[in-house]
Amino acid sequence: MKRSLALIITIILLAILGLISRSKNPSLPCVAIANLGPHASLENCITGIIDELSSLGYRDGEEIRIVKDHVNFDPNLILQMLSKLKSCNPEVLVTLTTPVTQAARGRINDIPQVFSLITDPAAAGLLKDKKLTGISDAQDLDGFLLFALSLLPQAKTMGLLYSTSEANDQALVKFFQQATQPHQLELMAIPLSSAGEVPMRMEGFRGKVDFIYTGSSGAVQSAFPAIISSANAMNIPVFDFDEGSVLKHQALGSFAVSYYELGRHTAQMVVAILKGKKTADIPPYFPKTTDHRALVSTVQLEKFKLRLPEKNNIILVPREQK
């Protein structure tokens, strides 16, 4: 009995050691993923990357090894993270968000790089660099505004918090300034230098905006609970770039790009590079209108006493989803 138990334990330990050694096999090609911080949209993108790599025959621990890291939204730690990932000698470096991508671009010159979740790659200076290619997460803002105004047809002013330190947010302000004009909608954009400023900055919207939009920047999303708390206190509906907050009934709605699908597109570029293709020969990908879907929270719809338009392609998130 004791001998059988010892044999079973030995087999289990050998299996575990085999898995560990295989997953850390330094001879496997490395794909490194540099992330800004733990957020649902970023994690969805990473899941899409890993799933698509696997479906294309590049399984973690078998054909490749995937090394991930993030800086918990602290930009001061980005260079340290990149140095750590570079020590793994990756065949491809995937960078999520503009701050991480721009740091990698200036720091790393000998590794092909695939960026993802960049709102405006051109404004960030990424499209002219031959060692880079990647994925934009730019939303169809006109489509979003049509969606928002179908729920709030009387809206005259839209509120937007934006981070002064992120190129993504600078681009978002510019894009909304252009997109709101045909809809006779005024944009009230309030700058934010850190997440700690949110309660004070949100007060600037009191009595002045009909709804608030929250974008993808780290400073904004890391303070999302505080934004929602302030918006609730002022009875202002919030539209989020990420549908996750709608599924949780925190935001009224989203006209969102699937970050999981963007992750899959990112993985396809990674595989092309692993097969020998040059980054300069891989065109960047920009989301299409068909990459979006409109979601509305039943809870928030009832809270603000709103009705869905008669003809719509909106997905209504039921109350029990909370």
C-alpha atoms as a PDB file:
ATOM      1  CA  MET A   1       0.000   0.000   0.000  1.00  0.00           C
ATOM      2  CA  LYS A   2       2.770   2.389   0.991  1.00  0.00           C
ATOM      3  CA  ARG A   3       4.753   1.403  -2.112  1.00  0.00           C
ATOM      4  CA  SER A   4       1.733   2.105  -4.355  1.00  0.00           C
ATOM      5  CA  LEU A   5       1.149   5.466  -2.690  1.00  0.00           C
ATOM      6  CA  ALA A   6       4.803   6.374  -3.112  1.00  0.00           C
ATOM      7  CA  LEU A   7       4.655   5.396  -6.774  1.00  0.00           C
ATOM      8  CA  ILE A   8       1.573   7.532  -7.356  1.00  0.00           C
ATOM      9  CA  ILE A   9       3.194  10.519  -5.644  1.00  0.00           C
ATOM     10  CA  THR A  10       6.357  10.031  -7.694  1.00  0.00           C
ATOM     11  CA  ILE A  11       4.373   9.937 -10.949  1.00  0.00           C
ATOM     12  CA  ILE A  12       2.468  13.108 -10.008  1.00  0.00           C
ATOM     13  CA  LEU A  13       5.688  14.934  -9.097  1.00  0.00           C
ATOM     14  CA  LEU A  14       7.347  13.872 -12.340  1.00  0.00           C
ATOM     15  CA  ALA A  15       4.325  15.072 -14.307  1.00  0.00           C
ATOM     16  CA  ILE A  16       4.392  18.435 -12.532  1.00  0.00           C
ATOM     17  CA  LEU A  17       8.134  18.785 -13.058  1.00  0.00           C
ATOM     18  CA  GLY A  18       7.664  17.883 -16.707  1.00  0.00           C
ATOM     19  CA  LEU A  19       5.038  20.557 -17.160  1.00  0.00           C
ATOM     20  CA  ILE A  20       7.184  23.144 -15.402  1.00  0.00           C
ATOM     21  CA  SER A  21      10.288  22.305 -17.409  1.00  0.00           C
ATOM     22  CA  ARG A  22       8.329  22.312 -20.647  1.00  0.00           C
ATOM     23  CA  SER A  23       6.663  25.667 -19.941  1.00  0.00           C
ATOM     24  CA  LYS A  24      10.031  27.223 -19.077  1.00  0.00           C
ATOM     25  CA  ASN A  25      11.998  25.548 -21.851  1.00  0.00           C
ATOM     26  CA  PRO A  26      14.409  28.307 -22.936  1.00  0.00           C
ATOM     27  CA  SER A  27      14.836  26.704 -26.343  1.00  0.00           C
ATOM     28  CA  LEU A  28      11.243  27.544 -27.300  1.00  0.00           C
ATOM     29  CA  PRO A  29      10.708  30.788 -29.234  1.00  0.00           C
ATOM     30  CA  CYS A  30       9.536  33.484 -26.829  1.00  0.00           C
ATOM     31  CA  VAL A  31       6.630  35.865 -27.367  1.00  0.00           C
ATOM     32  CA  ALA A  32       6.703  38.658 -24.779  1.00  0.00           C
ATOM     33  CA  ILE A  33       3.606  40.709 -23.886  1.00  0.00           C
ATOM     34  CA  ALA A  34       4.173  44.067 -22.188  1.00  0.00           C
ATOM     35  CA  ASN A  35       0.986  45.399 -20.589  1.00  0.00           C
ATOM     36  CA  LEU A  36       0.190  48.632 -18.767  1.00  0.00           C
ATOM     37  CA  GLY A  37      -1.949  47.125 -16.000  1.00  0.00           C
ATOM     38  CA  PRO A  38      -4.655  44.694 -14.932  1.00  0.00           C
ATOM     39  CA  HIS A  39      -7.868  45.865 -16.570  1.00  0.00           C
ATOM     40  CA  ALA A  40     -10.684  43.820 -18.102  1.00  0.00           C
ATOM     41  CA  SER A  41     -10.250  45.182 -21.640  1.00  0.00           C
ATOM     42  CA  LEU A  42      -6.481  44.617 -21.610  1.00  0.00           C
ATOM     43  CA  GLU A  43      -6.903  41.127 -20.175  1.00  0.00           C
ATOM     44  CA  ASN A  44      -9.503  40.339 -22.855  1.00  0.00           C
ATOM     45  CA  CYS A  45      -6.986  41.359 -25.494  1.00  0.00           C
ATOM     46  CA  ILE A  46      -4.305  39.119 -23.963  1.00  0.00           C
ATOM     47  CA  THR A  47      -6.761  36.210 -23.808  1.00  0.00           C
ATOM     48  CA  GLY A  48      -7.537  36.760 -27.490  1.00  0.00           C
ATOM     49  CA  ILE A  49      -3.816  36.749 -28.298  1.00  0.00           C
ATOM     50  CA  ILE A  50      -3.163  33.502 -26.439  1.00  0.00           C
ATOM     51  CA  ASP A  51      -6.275  31.754 -27.791  1.00  0.00           C
ATOM     52  CA  GLU A  52      -5.528  32.698 -31.390  1.00  0.00           C
ATOM     53  CA  LEU A  53      -1.857  31.732 -31.091  1.00  0.00           C
ATOM     54  CA  SER A  54      -2.984  28.335 -29.826  1.00  0.00           C
ATOM     55  CA  SER A  55      -5.535  27.899 -32.615  1.00  0.00           C
ATOM     56  CA  LEU A  56      -2.818  28.693 -35.157  1.00  0.00           C
ATOM     57  CA  GLY A  57      -0.554  25.989 -33.731  1.00  0.00           C
ATOM     58  CA  TYR A  58       1.545  28.067 -31.330  1.00  0.00           C
ATOM     59  CA  ARG A  59       0.641  26.728 -27.898  1.00  0.00           C
ATOM     60  CA  ASP A  60       2.275  28.175 -24.800  1.00  0.00           C
ATOM     61  CA  GLY A  61       4.777  25.683 -23.402  1.00  0.00           C
ATOM     62  CA  GLU A  62       4.764  23.552 -26.547  1.00  0.00           C
ATOM     63  CA  GLU A  63       5.681  25.459 -29.710  1.00  0.00           C
ATOM     64  CA  ILE A  64       6.363  28.791 -27.977  1.00  0.00           C
ATOM     65  CA  ARG A  65       6.673  30.245 -24.498  1.00  0.00           C
ATOM     66  CA  ILE A  66       4.636  33.322 -23.633  1.00  0.00           C
ATOM     67  CA  VAL A  67       6.041  35.734 -21.063  1.00  0.00           C
ATOM     68  CA  LYS A  68       3.702  38.454 -19.739  1.00  0.00           C
ATOM     69  CA  ASP A  69       4.254  41.400 -17.439  1.00  0.00           C
ATOM     70  CA  HIS A  70       2.562  44.681 -16.463  1.00  0.00           C
ATOM     71  CA  VAL A  71       3.373  47.776 -14.389  1.00  0.00           C
ATOM     72  CA  ASN A  72       0.039  48.200 -12.584  1.00  0.00           C
ATOM     73  CA  PHE A  73      -0.543  51.476 -14.473  1.00  0.00           C
ATOM     74  CA  ASP A  74       2.688  53.029 -13.144  1.00  0.00           C
ATOM     75  CA  PRO A  75       4.480  54.532 -16.186  1.00  0.00           C
ATOM     76  CA  ASN A  76       7.666  54.942 -14.136  1.00  0.00           C
ATOM     77  CA  LEU A  77       8.099  51.154 -14.184  1.00  0.00           C
ATOM     78  CA  ILE A  78       7.701  50.622 -17.937  1.00  0.00           C
ATOM     79  CA  LEU A  79      11.413  50.687 -18.808  1.00  0.00           C
ATOM     80  CA  GLN A  80      12.167  48.239 -16.012  1.00  0.00           C
ATOM     81  CA  MET A  81       9.468  45.893 -17.332  1.00  0.00           C
ATOM     82  CA  LEU A  82      10.821  46.125 -20.878  1.00  0.00           C
ATOM     83  CA  SER A  83      14.355  45.296 -19.707  1.00  0.00           C
ATOM     84  CA  LYS A  84      13.007  42.251 -17.887  1.00  0.00           C
ATOM     85  CA  LEU A  85      11.084  41.061 -20.944  1.00  0.00           C
ATOM     86  CA  LYS A  86      14.024  41.697 -23.258  1.00  0.00           C
ATOM     87  CA  SER A  87      16.149  39.372 -21.123  1.00  0.00           C
ATOM     88  CA  CYS A  88      13.882  36.522 -22.329  1.00  0.00           C
ATOM     89  CA  ASN A  89      15.217  37.094 -25.869  1.00  0.00           C
ATOM     90  CA  PRO A  90      11.749  37.274 -27.450  1.00  0.00           C
ATOM     91  CA  GLU A  91      11.193  36.637 -31.142  1.00  0.00           C
ATOM     92  CA  VAL A  92       8.337  39.166 -30.991  1.00  0.00           C
ATOM     93  CA  LEU A  93       7.438  41.831 -28.433  1.00  0.00           C
ATOM     94  CA  VAL A  94       3.744  42.709 -28.099  1.00  0.00           C
ATOM     95  CA  THR A  95       3.084  46.085 -26.459  1.00  0.00           C
ATOM     96  CA  LEU A  96      -0.359  47.043 -25.186  1.00  0.00           C
ATOM     97  CA  THR A  97      -1.347  50.748 -24.949  1.00  0.00           C
ATOM     98  CA  THR A  98       0.416  53.865 -26.184  1.00  0.00           C
ATOM     99  CA  PRO A  99       2.714  54.559 -23.172  1.00  0.00           C
ATOM    100  CA  VAL A 100       4.167  51.043 -23.270  1.00  0.00           C
ATOM    101  CA  THR A 101       4.528  51.058 -27.060  1.00  0.00           C
ATOM    102  CA  GLN A 102       6.244  54.442 -27.194  1.00  0.00           C
ATOM    103  CA  ALA A 103       8.673  53.417 -24.442  1.00  0.00           C
ATOM    104  CA  ALA A 104       9.492  50.177 -26.259  1.00  0.00           C
ATOM    105  CA  ARG A 105       9.954  51.986 -29.533  1.00  0.00           C
ATOM    106  CA  GLY A 106      12.563  54.258 -27.990  1.00  0.00           C
ATOM    107  CA  ARG A 107      14.272  51.533 -25.996  1.00  0.00           C
ATOM    108  CA  ILE A 108      14.273  48.372 -28.142  1.00  0.00           C
ATOM    109  CA  ASN A 109      15.598  48.286 -31.693  1.00  0.00           C
ATOM    110  CA  ASP A 110      16.542  44.656 -32.308  1.00  0.00           C
ATOM    111  CA  ILE A 111      13.190  42.894 -31.715  1.00  0.00           C
ATOM    112  CA  PRO A 112      10.133  42.995 -34.018  1.00  0.00           C
ATOM    113  CA  GLN A 113       7.292  44.752 -32.229  1.00  0.00           C
ATOM    114  CA  VAL A 114       3.529  44.412 -32.578  1.00  0.00           C
ATOM    115  CA  PHE A 115       1.541  47.123 -30.807  1.00  0.00           C
ATOM    116  CA  SER A 116      -2.097  46.777 -29.861  1.00  0.00           C
ATOM    117  CA  LEU A 117      -4.887  48.991 -28.480  1.00  0.00           C
ATOM    118  CA  ILE A 118      -3.470  52.249 -29.864  1.00  0.00           C
ATOM    119  CA  THR A 119      -6.176  54.784 -30.665  1.00  0.00           C
ATOM    120  CA  ASP A 120      -4.167  56.847 -33.160  1.00  0.00           C
ATOM    121  CA  PRO A 121      -0.946  55.109 -34.281  1.00  0.00           C
ATOM    122  CA  ALA A 122      -0.141  57.926 -36.703  1.00  0.00           C
ATOM    123  CA  ALA A 123      -0.318  60.663 -34.063  1.00  0.00           C
ATOM    124  CA  ALA A 124       1.765  58.494 -31.735  1.00  0.00           C
ATOM    125  CA  GLY A 125       4.453  58.386 -34.432  1.00  0.00           C
ATOM    126  CA  LEU A 126       4.271  54.619 -34.876  1.00  0.00           C
ATOM    127  CA  LEU A 127       3.386  54.141 -38.531  1.00  0.00           C
ATOM    128  CA  LYS A 128       6.684  55.429 -39.919  1.00  0.00           C
ATOM    129  CA  ASP A 129       8.772  52.985 -37.885  1.00  0.00           C
ATOM    130  CA  LYS A 130       9.592  49.902 -39.967  1.00  0.00           C
ATOM    131  CA  LYS A 131      10.205  47.699 -36.921  1.00  0.00           C
ATOM    132  CA  LEU A 132       6.608  48.207 -35.769  1.00  0.00           C
ATOM    133  CA  THR A 133       3.175  47.148 -36.886  1.00  0.00           C
ATOM    134  CA  GLY A 134      -0.008  46.545 -34.962  1.00  0.00           C
ATOM    135  CA  ILE A 135      -3.625  47.109 -34.095  1.00  0.00           C
ATOM    136  CA  SER A 136      -5.623  50.270 -33.468  1.00  0.00           C
ATOM    137  CA  ASP A 137      -8.558  50.239 -31.060  1.00  0.00           C
ATOM    138  CA  ALA A 138     -10.083  53.382 -32.564  1.00  0.00           C
ATOM    139  CA  GLN A 139     -13.834  53.300 -32.148  1.00  0.00           C
ATOM    140  CA  ASP A 140     -16.339  54.435 -34.747  1.00  0.00           C
ATOM    141  CA  LEU A 141     -17.111  57.675 -32.904  1.00  0.00           C
ATOM    142  CA  ASP A 142     -19.838  58.731 -35.300  1.00  0.00           C
ATOM    143  CA  GLY A 143     -21.482  55.359 -34.755  1.00  0.00           C
ATOM    144  CA  PHE A 144     -21.139  55.826 -31.005  1.00  0.00           C
ATOM    145  CA  LEU A 145     -22.693  59.297 -31.075  1.00  0.00           C
ATOM    146  CA  LEU A 146     -25.648  58.071 -33.146  1.00  0.00           C
ATOM    147  CA  PHE A 147     -26.101  55.301 -30.590  1.00  0.00           C
ATOM    148  CA  ALA A 148     -25.845  57.667 -27.594  1.00  0.00           C
ATOM    149  CA  LEU A 149     -28.234  60.201 -29.114  1.00  0.00           C
ATOM    150  CA  SER A 150     -30.754  57.482 -29.938  1.00  0.00           C
ATOM    151  CA  LEU A 151     -31.025  56.966 -26.166  1.00  0.00           C
ATOM    152  CA  LEU A 152     -30.655  60.640 -25.216  1.00  0.00           C
ATOM    153  CA  PRO A 153     -32.141  62.585 -28.151  1.00  0.00           C
ATOM    154  CA  GLN A 154     -32.316  65.822 -26.153  1.00  0.00           C
ATOM    155  CA  ALA A 155     -28.610  65.781 -25.239  1.00  0.00           C
ATOM    156  CA  LYS A 156     -26.722  68.970 -26.054  1.00  0.00           C
ATOM    157  CA  THR A 157     -23.384  68.523 -24.254  1.00  0.00           C
ATOM    158  CA  MET A 158     -21.086  65.552 -23.802  1.00  0.00           C
ATOM    159  CA  GLY A 159     -18.493  65.304 -21.021  1.00  0.00           C
ATOM    160  CA  LEU A 160     -15.070  63.721 -21.496  1.00  0.00           C
ATOM    161  CA  LEU A 161     -12.266  63.191 -18.971  1.00  0.00           C
ATOM    162  CA  TYR A 162      -8.895  62.799 -20.638  1.00  0.00           C
ATOM    163  CA  SER A 163      -5.393  62.109 -19.405  1.00  0.00           C
ATOM    164  CA  THR A 164      -2.871  64.822 -20.235  1.00  0.00           C
ATOM    165  CA  SER A 165      -0.034  62.261 -20.222  1.00  0.00           C
ATOM    166  CA  GLU A 166      -1.413  59.775 -22.770  1.00  0.00           C
ATOM    167  CA  ALA A 167      -1.309  60.254 -26.529  1.00  0.00           C
ATOM    168  CA  ASN A 168      -4.380  58.046 -26.881  1.00  0.00           C
ATOM    169  CA  ASP A 169      -6.421  60.572 -24.927  1.00  0.00           C
ATOM    170  CA  GLN A 170      -5.036  63.553 -26.803  1.00  0.00           C
ATOM    171  CA  ALA A 171      -6.147  61.846 -30.018  1.00  0.00           C
ATOM    172  CA  LEU A 172      -9.552  61.010 -28.544  1.00  0.00           C
ATOM    173  CA  VAL A 173     -10.249  64.670 -27.730  1.00  0.00           C
ATOM    174  CA  LYS A 174      -9.297  65.665 -31.263  1.00  0.00           C
ATOM    175  CA  PHE A 175     -11.480  62.979 -32.801  1.00  0.00           C
ATOM    176  CA  PHE A 176     -14.492  63.884 -30.649  1.00  0.00           C
ATOM    177  CA  GLN A 177     -14.095  67.576 -31.470  1.00  0.00           C
ATOM    178  CA  GLN A 178     -14.575  66.615 -35.113  1.00  0.00           C
ATOM    179  CA  ALA A 179     -17.219  63.911 -34.591  1.00  0.00           C
ATOM    180  CA  THR A 180     -19.568  65.973 -32.388  1.00  0.00           C
ATOM    181  CA  GLN A 181     -19.941  68.884 -34.830  1.00  0.00           C
ATOM    182  CA  PRO A 182     -22.327  67.235 -37.342  1.00  0.00           C
ATOM    183  CA  HIS A 183     -24.579  66.231 -34.437  1.00  0.00           C
ATOM    184  CA  GLN A 184     -24.795  69.775 -33.005  1.00  0.00           C
ATOM    185  CA  LEU A 185     -23.330  68.371 -29.819  1.00  0.00           C
ATOM    186  CA  GLU A 186     -20.969  70.383 -27.636  1.00  0.00           C
ATOM    187  CA  LEU A 187     -17.904  68.682 -26.169  1.00  0.00           C
ATOM    188  CA  MET A 188     -16.756  69.546 -22.651  1.00  0.00           C
ATOM    189  CA  ALA A 189     -13.319  67.957 -22.201  1.00  0.00           C
ATOM    190  CA  ILE A 190     -11.707  68.176 -18.774  1.00  0.00           C
ATOM    191  CA  PRO A 191      -8.000  67.285 -18.358  1.00  0.00           C
ATOM    192  CA  LEU A 192      -6.780  64.798 -15.798  1.00  0.00           C
ATOM    193  CA  SER A 193      -3.144  64.413 -14.738  1.00  0.00           C
ATOM    194  CA  SER A 194      -3.704  61.591 -12.243  1.00  0.00           C
ATOM    195  CA  ALA A 195      -6.462  59.242 -11.088  1.00  0.00           C
ATOM    196  CA  GLY A 196      -6.535  60.989  -7.706  1.00  0.00           C
ATOM    197  CA  GLU A 197      -7.932  64.148  -9.326  1.00  0.00           C
ATOM    198  CA  VAL A 198     -11.120  62.437 -10.506  1.00  0.00           C
ATOM    199  CA  PRO A 199     -13.559  63.562  -7.760  1.00  0.00           C
ATOM    200  CA  MET A 200     -12.508  67.201  -8.145  1.00  0.00           C
ATOM    201  CA  ARG A 201     -12.471  67.122 -11.959  1.00  0.00           C
ATOM    202  CA  MET A 202     -15.840  65.378 -12.151  1.00  0.00           C
ATOM    203  CA  GLU A 203     -17.407  68.300 -10.306  1.00  0.00           C
ATOM    204  CA  GLY A 204     -16.728  70.358 -13.416  1.00  0.00           C
ATOM    205  CA  PHE A 205     -19.475  68.397 -15.205  1.00  0.00           C
ATOM    206  CA  ARG A 206     -22.160  69.110 -12.612  1.00  0.00           C
ATOM    207  CA  GLY A 207     -25.204  70.650 -14.305  1.00  0.00           C
ATOM    208  CA  LYS A 208     -23.270  71.172 -17.542  1.00  0.00           C
ATOM    209  CA  VAL A 209     -23.313  67.864 -19.452  1.00  0.00           C
ATOM    210  CA  ASP A 210     -26.016  65.411 -20.485  1.00  0.00           C
ATOM    211  CA  PHE A 211     -23.768  62.362 -20.496  1.00  0.00           C
ATOM    212  CA  ILE A 212     -20.137  61.392 -19.918  1.00  0.00           C
ATOM    213  CA  TYR A 213     -17.901  59.202 -22.071  1.00  0.00           C
ATOM    214  CA  THR A 214     -14.956  57.309 -20.578  1.00  0.00           C
ATOM    215  CA  GLY A 215     -12.122  56.238 -22.864  1.00  0.00           C
ATOM    216  CA  SER A 216      -9.419  53.604 -22.624  1.00  0.00           C
ATOM    217  CA  SER A 217      -6.521  55.427 -20.971  1.00  0.00           C
ATOM    218  CA  GLY A 218      -4.995  53.964 -17.827  1.00  0.00           C
ATOM    219  CA  ALA A 219      -5.557  57.112 -15.765  1.00  0.00           C
ATOM    220  CA  VAL A 220      -9.261  57.159 -16.618  1.00  0.00           C
ATOM    221  CA  GLN A 221      -9.985  53.455 -16.368  1.00  0.00           C
ATOM    222  CA  SER A 222      -8.037  52.932 -13.143  1.00  0.00           C
ATOM    223  CA  ALA A 223     -10.321  55.577 -11.610  1.00  0.00           C
ATOM    224  CA  PHE A 224     -13.525  54.230 -13.165  1.00  0.00           C
ATOM    225  CA  PRO A 225     -15.203  53.381  -9.815  1.00  0.00           C
ATOM    226  CA  ALA A 226     -14.676  56.976  -8.659  1.00  0.00           C
ATOM    227  CA  ILE A 227     -16.044  58.290 -11.972  1.00  0.00           C
ATOM    228  CA  ILE A 228     -19.171  56.161 -11.638  1.00  0.00           C
ATOM    229  CA  SER A 229     -19.632  57.203  -8.008  1.00  0.00           C
ATOM    230  CA  SER A 230     -19.461  60.901  -8.929  1.00  0.00           C
ATOM    231  CA  ALA A 231     -21.682  60.469 -11.991  1.00  0.00           C
ATOM    232  CA  ASN A 232     -24.305  58.650  -9.910  1.00  0.00           C
ATOM    233  CA  ALA A 233     -24.254  61.437  -7.337  1.00  0.00           C
ATOM    234  CA  MET A 234     -24.863  63.972 -10.123  1.00  0.00           C
ATOM    235  CA  ASN A 235     -27.396  61.745 -11.937  1.00  0.00           C
ATOM    236  CA  ILE A 236     -25.398  61.792 -15.177  1.00  0.00           C
ATOM    237  CA  PRO A 237     -25.403  58.683 -17.408  1.00  0.00           C
ATOM    238  CA  VAL A 238     -22.032  57.251 -18.422  1.00  0.00           C
ATOM    239  CA  PHE A 239     -21.056  55.568 -21.681  1.00  0.00           C
ATOM    240  CA  ASP A 240     -17.885  53.489 -21.479  1.00  0.00           C
ATOM    241  CA  PHE A 241     -15.501  52.382 -24.221  1.00  0.00           C
ATOM    242  CA  ASP A 242     -15.552  48.891 -22.686  1.00  0.00           C
ATOM    243  CA  GLU A 243     -18.702  46.787 -22.592  1.00  0.00           C
ATOM    244  CA  GLY A 244     -17.605  45.092 -19.363  1.00  0.00           C
ATOM    245  CA  SER A 245     -18.940  47.972 -17.272  1.00  0.00           C
ATOM    246  CA  VAL A 246     -22.306  47.686 -19.051  1.00  0.00           C
ATOM    247  CA  LEU A 247     -22.478  43.972 -18.330  1.00  0.00           C
ATOM    248  CA  LYS A 248     -21.986  44.909 -14.656  1.00  0.00           C
ATOM    249  CA  HIS A 249     -24.676  47.621 -14.955  1.00  0.00           C
ATOM    250  CA  GLN A 250     -22.224  50.367 -13.974  1.00  0.00           C
ATOM    251  CA  ALA A 251     -22.457  52.280 -17.257  1.00  0.00           C
ATOM    252  CA  LEU A 252     -25.577  52.977 -19.292  1.00  0.00           C
ATOM    253  CA  GLY A 253     -24.135  51.732 -22.549  1.00  0.00           C
ATOM    254  CA  SER A 254     -21.208  51.097 -24.840  1.00  0.00           C
ATOM    255  CA  PHE A 255     -20.628  51.020 -28.569  1.00  0.00           C
ATOM    256  CA  ALA A 256     -17.598  48.855 -28.232  1.00  0.00           C
ATOM    257  CA  VAL A 257     -14.895  47.159 -30.176  1.00  0.00           C
ATOM    258  CA  SER A 258     -14.278  43.599 -29.020  1.00  0.00           C
ATOM    259  CA  TYR A 259     -10.886  43.623 -27.331  1.00  0.00           C
ATOM    260  CA  TYR A 260     -10.816  39.850 -27.528  1.00  0.00           C
ATOM    261  CA  GLU A 261     -11.119  40.080 -31.314  1.00  0.00           C
ATOM    262  CA  LEU A 262      -8.408  42.748 -31.447  1.00  0.00           C
ATOM    263  CA  GLY A 263      -6.230  40.323 -29.503  1.00  0.00           C
ATOM    264  CA  ARG A 264      -6.867  37.676 -32.155  1.00  0.00           C
ATOM    265  CA  HIS A 265      -5.835  40.117 -34.898  1.00  0.00           C
ATOM    266  CA  THR A 266      -2.695  40.892 -32.879  1.00  0.00           C
ATOM    267  CA  ALA A 267      -1.835  37.189 -32.649  1.00  0.00           C
ATOM    268  CA  GLN A 268      -2.184  36.785 -36.401  1.00  0.00           C
ATOM    269  CA  MET A 269       0.497  39.445 -36.871  1.00  0.00           C
ATOM    270  CA  VAL A 270       2.722  37.711 -34.312  1.00  0.00           C
ATOM    271  CA  VAL A 271       2.418  34.420 -36.186  1.00  0.00           C
ATOM    272  CA  ALA A 272       3.255  36.114 -39.495  1.00  0.00           C
ATOM    273  CA  ILE A 273       6.472  37.415 -37.908  1.00  0.00           C
ATOM    274  CA  LEU A 274       7.297  34.021 -36.391  1.00  0.00           C
ATOM    275  CA  LYS A 275       6.999  32.597 -39.903  1.00  0.00           C
ATOM    276  CA  GLY A 276       9.541  35.093 -41.203  1.00  0.00           C
ATOM    277  CA  LYS A 277       7.495  38.047 -42.420  1.00  0.00           C
ATOM    278  CA  LYS A 278       8.901  41.532 -41.804  1.00  0.00           C
ATOM    279  CA  THR A 279       6.909  44.034 -39.736  1.00  0.00           C
ATOM    280  CA  ALA A 280       7.281  46.546 -42.573  1.00  0.00           C
ATOM    281  CA  ASP A 281       5.315  44.162 -44.803  1.00  0.00           C
ATOM    282  CA  ILE A 282       2.406  43.767 -42.367  1.00  0.00           C
ATOM    283  CA  PRO A 283      -0.089  46.659 -42.613  1.00  0.00           C
ATOM    284  CA  PRO A 284      -1.640  47.944 -39.366  1.00  0.00           C
ATOM    285  CA  TYR A 285      -5.243  46.959 -38.657  1.00  0.00           C
ATOM    286  CA  PHE A 286      -7.995  49.485 -37.922  1.00  0.00           C
ATOM    287  CA  PRO A 287     -11.380  48.329 -36.531  1.00  0.00           C
ATOM    288  CA  LYS A 288     -14.347  48.397 -38.866  1.00  0.00           C
ATOM    289  CA  THR A 289     -17.927  49.286 -37.953  1.00  0.00           C
ATOM    290  CA  THR A 290     -18.711  45.570 -38.072  1.00  0.00           C
ATOM    291  CA  ASP A 291     -16.160  45.044 -35.269  1.00  0.00           C
ATOM    292  CA  HIS A 292     -18.465  46.992 -32.915  1.00  0.00           C
ATOM    293  CA  ARG A 293     -21.606  46.104 -31.002  1.00  0.00           C
ATOM    294  CA  ALA A 294     -24.004  48.281 -28.999  1.00  0.00           C
ATOM    295  CA  LEU A 295     -24.928  47.266 -25.449  1.00  0.00           C
ATOM    296  CA  VAL A 296     -27.325  48.911 -22.984  1.00  0.00           C
ATOM    297  CA  SER A 297     -27.848  48.076 -19.315  1.00  0.00           C
ATOM    298  CA  THR A 298     -31.466  47.331 -18.360  1.00  0.00           C
ATOM    299  CA  VAL A 299     -30.757  48.609 -14.840  1.00  0.00           C
ATOM    300  CA  GLN A 300     -29.347  51.923 -16.072  1.00  0.00           C
ATOM    301  CA  LEU A 301     -32.081  52.282 -18.710  1.00  0.00           C
ATOM    302  CA  GLU A 302     -34.737  52.037 -15.990  1.00  0.00           C
ATOM    303  CA  LYS A 303     -32.788  54.279 -13.620  1.00  0.00           C
ATOM    304  CA  PHE A 304     -32.720  57.153 -16.125  1.00  0.00           C
ATOM    305  CA  LYS A 305     -36.264  56.376 -17.374  1.00  0.00           C
ATOM    306  CA  LEU A 306     -35.102  55.940 -20.960  1.00  0.00           C
ATOM    307  CA  ARG A 307     -36.529  53.971 -23.869  1.00  0.00           C
ATOM    308  CA  LEU A 308     -34.823  52.123 -26.652  1.00  0.00           C
ATOM    309  CA  PRO A 309     -35.469  53.465 -30.160  1.00  0.00           C
ATOM    310  CA  GLU A 310     -37.998  51.452 -32.155  1.00  0.00           C
ATOM    311  CA  LYS A 311     -35.494  50.303 -34.773  1.00  0.00           C
ATOM    312  CA  ASN A 312     -32.145  49.354 -33.331  1.00  0.00           C
ATOM    313  CA  ASN A 313     -29.384  46.774 -33.232  1.00  0.00           C
ATOM    314  CA  ILE A 314     -28.848  47.231 -29.503  1.00  0.00           C
ATOM    315  CA  ILE A 315     -28.175  44.306 -27.198  1.00  0.00           C
ATOM    316  CA  LEU A 316     -30.073  44.808 -23.939  1.00  0.00           C
ATOM    317  CA  VAL A 317     -28.199  43.402 -20.944  1.00  0.00           C
ATOM    318  CA  PRO A 318     -30.795  41.832 -18.604  1.00  0.00           C
ATOM    319  CA  ARG A 319     -30.992  42.661 -14.934  1.00  0.00           C
ATOM    320  CA  GLU A 320     -29.839  39.183 -13.835  1.00  0.00           C
ATOM    321  CA  GLN A 321     -26.509  39.815 -15.596  1.00  0.00           C
ATOM    322  CA  LYS A 322     -25.483  41.966 -12.626  1.00  0.00           C
END
